Amino acid sequence: MLSFEVCNAARLRRDARYDGRFFTAVKTTRIYCRPVCPVKHPLPRNVTYYPTAAAAAGFRPCLRCRPETAPFCPAWNGTRSTVARALKLIDGGALERGSVAALADRLGITARHLARLFERHVGASPQQVATTRRVQRAKRLIDTTDEAMTEIAFRAGFGSVRRFNAAFADLYGRSPSSLRASSRGRR
């Protein structure tokens, strides 16, 4: 957290470089603002500074500067933050254990809207992203371990060996075992 003096100077200048880096809470009005807020400056003895909008709990957001939409907060990033959250959940195995509809439900949106967001920001569906990441994990395991293909399929997140083989055939045009044989031939 920045010092009181730095925050106070930035607030008095309405310095846009500090927008989103701290929030000013006014004790007398119980409102918190961004450093760029155009309202009349409160007295320094009546303010406290917080590193995030969430830390200013107990204060309500200013209706002029809308601190909940400050830079670097999820609302400011818009739909990109929803896609980023979805990608983290996919990396954590959300589509290995559940459906796209369940993932969308966890994000608070519909499956159709999630598909539109992925198409706009990623250029692929959530299921395609999950399959690609599983294939990448499996390829790394094929190249770096001597485990059986069945074990690799399940460790990479495939629900069955049949899906594992089909994904490799779609992507590489050959079976996983032929990829292992060709990688060993190059060593």
Protein backbone atom coordinates (compact mmCIF):
# COMPACT_ATOMS: atom_id res chain seq x y z
CA MET A 1 0.00 0.00 0.00
CA LEU A 2 1.19 3.49 -0.83
CA SER A 3 1.89 5.92 2.01
CA PHE A 4 -0.75 8.39 3.23
CA GLU A 5 1.28 11.31 1.87
CA VAL A 6 1.59 9.81 -1.64
CA CYS A 7 -2.12 8.92 -1.76
CA ASN A 8 -3.15 12.35 -0.45
CA ALA A 9 -0.99 14.18 -3.00
CA ALA A 10 -2.35 12.02 -5.85
CA ARG A 11 -5.93 12.60 -4.69
CA LEU A 12 -5.47 16.38 -4.49
CA ARG A 13 -3.96 16.42 -8.03
CA ARG A 14 -6.59 13.95 -9.29
CA ASP A 15 -3.67 12.05 -10.78
CA ALA A 16 -4.93 9.48 -13.31
CA ARG A 17 -1.73 7.42 -12.92
CA TYR A 18 -3.02 6.30 -9.50
CA ASP A 19 -6.51 5.39 -10.70
CA GLY A 20 -7.22 1.87 -9.49
CA ARG A 21 -4.08 1.73 -7.32
CA PHE A 22 -5.85 3.04 -4.20
CA PHE A 23 -9.28 4.20 -3.06
CA THR A 24 -10.20 7.14 -0.83
CA ALA A 25 -12.82 6.54 1.86
CA VAL A 26 -14.40 9.60 3.46
CA LYS A 27 -15.26 8.98 7.13
CA THR A 28 -17.88 11.73 7.37
CA THR A 29 -19.97 10.68 4.35
CA ARG A 30 -19.18 6.91 4.47
CA ILE A 31 -18.45 7.00 0.70
CA TYR A 32 -15.36 5.74 -1.11
CA CYS A 33 -13.98 7.19 -4.36
CA ARG A 34 -11.29 6.87 -6.97
CA PRO A 35 -8.38 9.33 -6.86
CA VAL A 36 -9.68 10.98 -10.05
CA CYS A 37 -13.14 11.76 -8.61
CA PRO A 38 -14.33 15.28 -9.58
CA VAL A 39 -16.10 15.98 -6.25
CA LYS A 40 -14.96 18.66 -3.79
CA HIS A 41 -11.93 17.45 -1.84
CA PRO A 42 -12.64 16.38 1.75
CA LEU A 43 -10.28 17.39 4.53
CA PRO A 44 -7.26 15.06 4.86
CA ARG A 45 -8.22 14.23 8.47
CA ASN A 46 -11.53 12.80 7.21
CA VAL A 47 -10.06 10.34 4.68
CA THR A 48 -8.57 6.86 4.81
CA TYR A 49 -6.88 5.08 1.92
CA TYR A 50 -7.43 1.47 0.88
CA PRO A 51 -5.53 -0.64 -1.67
CA THR A 52 -8.71 -2.15 -3.21
CA ALA A 53 -12.39 -1.33 -3.48
CA ALA A 54 -13.17 -4.52 -1.56
CA ALA A 55 -11.02 -3.33 1.35
CA ALA A 56 -13.28 -0.29 1.70
CA ALA A 57 -16.02 -2.44 3.22
CA GLY A 58 -18.53 -0.42 5.19
CA PHE A 59 -18.35 2.48 2.74
CA ARG A 60 -20.65 2.83 -0.24
CA PRO A 61 -19.32 3.58 -3.74
CA CYS A 62 -19.43 7.13 -5.07
CA LEU A 63 -22.10 7.65 -7.73
CA ARG A 64 -19.95 10.09 -9.71
CA CYS A 65 -16.64 8.25 -10.16
CA ARG A 66 -18.00 4.66 -9.87
CA PRO A 67 -15.02 3.13 -7.97
CA GLU A 68 -16.30 -0.40 -8.53
CA THR A 69 -15.41 0.07 -12.22
CA ALA A 70 -11.89 1.37 -11.62
CA PRO A 71 -9.03 0.08 -13.79
CA PHE A 72 -7.77 -3.41 -12.91
CA CYS A 73 -11.04 -4.50 -11.32
CA PRO A 74 -13.11 -7.30 -12.94
CA ALA A 75 -15.90 -4.92 -13.99
CA TRP A 76 -13.39 -2.74 -15.85
CA ASN A 77 -12.10 -5.74 -17.81
CA GLY A 78 -15.64 -6.60 -18.85
CA THR A 79 -16.24 -9.95 -20.47
CA ARG A 80 -12.51 -10.72 -20.68
CA SER A 81 -12.50 -11.34 -16.93
CA THR A 82 -15.32 -13.88 -17.31
CA VAL A 83 -13.37 -15.71 -20.02
CA ALA A 84 -10.20 -15.60 -17.89
CA ARG A 85 -12.10 -17.11 -14.94
CA ALA A 86 -13.52 -19.80 -17.23
CA LEU A 87 -10.04 -20.64 -18.56
CA LYS A 88 -8.74 -21.03 -15.00
CA LEU A 89 -11.62 -23.35 -14.17
CA ILE A 90 -11.00 -25.36 -17.34
CA ASP A 91 -7.30 -25.64 -16.39
CA GLY A 92 -8.47 -26.92 -13.00
CA GLY A 93 -10.50 -29.66 -14.69
CA ALA A 94 -13.99 -28.15 -14.66
CA LEU A 95 -14.88 -29.75 -18.01
CA GLU A 96 -13.32 -33.10 -17.08
CA ARG A 97 -15.79 -33.48 -14.22
CA GLY A 98 -18.70 -31.45 -15.55
CA SER A 99 -20.42 -29.95 -18.55
CA VAL A 100 -20.17 -26.57 -20.27
CA ALA A 101 -23.58 -25.75 -18.77
CA ALA A 102 -22.25 -26.44 -15.26
CA LEU A 103 -19.19 -24.26 -15.96
CA ALA A 104 -21.42 -21.43 -17.21
CA ASP A 105 -23.61 -21.80 -14.13
CA ARG A 106 -20.54 -21.43 -11.88
CA LEU A 107 -19.73 -18.20 -13.73
CA GLY A 108 -23.29 -16.89 -13.38
CA ILE A 109 -24.07 -16.86 -17.11
CA THR A 110 -25.80 -19.14 -19.59
CA ALA A 111 -23.98 -21.78 -21.63
CA ARG A 112 -24.96 -19.97 -24.82
CA HIS A 113 -23.48 -16.68 -23.59
CA LEU A 114 -20.30 -18.48 -22.50
CA ALA A 115 -19.97 -19.95 -26.00
CA ARG A 116 -20.38 -16.46 -27.53
CA LEU A 117 -17.73 -15.00 -25.19
CA PHE A 118 -15.28 -17.79 -26.03
CA GLU A 119 -15.89 -17.32 -29.74
CA ARG A 120 -15.22 -13.57 -29.43
CA HIS A 121 -12.19 -13.70 -27.11
CA VAL A 122 -10.60 -17.11 -27.75
CA GLY A 123 -11.87 -18.14 -31.17
CA ALA A 124 -12.84 -21.62 -29.97
CA SER A 125 -15.50 -23.24 -27.81
CA PRO A 126 -14.86 -24.09 -24.13
CA GLN A 127 -14.90 -27.79 -25.04
CA GLN A 128 -12.32 -27.27 -27.81
CA VAL A 129 -10.07 -25.40 -25.36
CA ALA A 130 -10.39 -28.20 -22.81
CA THR A 131 -9.64 -30.90 -25.40
CA THR A 132 -6.61 -29.00 -26.70
CA ARG A 133 -5.23 -28.62 -23.20
CA ARG A 134 -5.78 -32.34 -22.48
CA VAL A 135 -3.97 -33.27 -25.71
CA GLN A 136 -1.08 -30.95 -24.80
CA ARG A 137 -0.78 -32.58 -21.36
CA ALA A 138 -0.92 -36.02 -22.92
CA LYS A 139 1.71 -35.14 -25.54
CA ARG A 140 4.05 -33.91 -22.79
CA LEU A 141 3.52 -37.17 -20.87
CA ILE A 142 4.13 -39.24 -24.01
CA ASP A 143 7.39 -37.40 -24.67
CA THR A 144 8.69 -37.39 -21.10
CA THR A 145 7.50 -40.65 -19.52
CA ASP A 146 7.41 -44.35 -20.25
CA GLU A 147 3.90 -44.83 -18.82
CA ALA A 148 1.31 -46.94 -20.60
CA MET A 149 -1.00 -45.08 -22.98
CA THR A 150 -4.01 -45.93 -20.81
CA GLU A 151 -2.37 -44.31 -17.79
CA ILE A 152 -1.42 -41.23 -19.84
CA ALA A 153 -4.98 -40.91 -21.17
CA PHE A 154 -6.47 -40.79 -17.68
CA ARG A 155 -3.71 -38.58 -16.21
CA ALA A 156 -4.22 -36.08 -19.02
CA GLY A 157 -7.94 -35.89 -18.19
CA PHE A 158 -9.53 -38.02 -20.90
CA GLY A 159 -12.58 -39.99 -19.75
CA SER A 160 -11.73 -42.97 -21.95
CA VAL A 161 -8.94 -44.36 -24.12
CA ARG A 162 -11.27 -44.15 -27.11
CA ARG A 163 -11.63 -40.35 -26.69
CA PHE A 164 -7.87 -40.07 -26.14
CA ASN A 165 -7.15 -41.88 -29.43
CA ALA A 166 -9.83 -39.91 -31.30
CA ALA A 167 -8.43 -36.56 -30.10
CA PHE A 168 -4.93 -37.52 -31.28
CA ALA A 169 -6.26 -38.75 -34.61
CA ASP A 170 -8.14 -35.46 -35.12
CA LEU A 171 -5.19 -33.26 -34.18
CA TYR A 172 -2.14 -35.20 -35.42
CA GLY A 173 -3.71 -37.61 -37.90
CA ARG A 174 -2.10 -40.58 -36.12
CA SER A 175 -2.29 -42.59 -32.93
CA PRO A 176 -0.56 -41.61 -29.67
CA SER A 177 1.64 -44.73 -29.75
CA SER A 178 2.92 -43.86 -33.23
CA LEU A 179 3.85 -40.39 -31.92
CA ARG A 180 5.83 -42.00 -29.10
CA ALA A 181 7.61 -44.28 -31.57
CA SER A 182 8.54 -41.37 -33.84
CA SER A 183 9.78 -39.24 -30.88
CA ARG A 184 11.99 -42.10 -29.70
CA GLY A 185 13.40 -42.50 -33.18
CA ARG A 186 14.59 -38.87 -33.10
CA ARG A 187 16.52 -39.29 -29.84
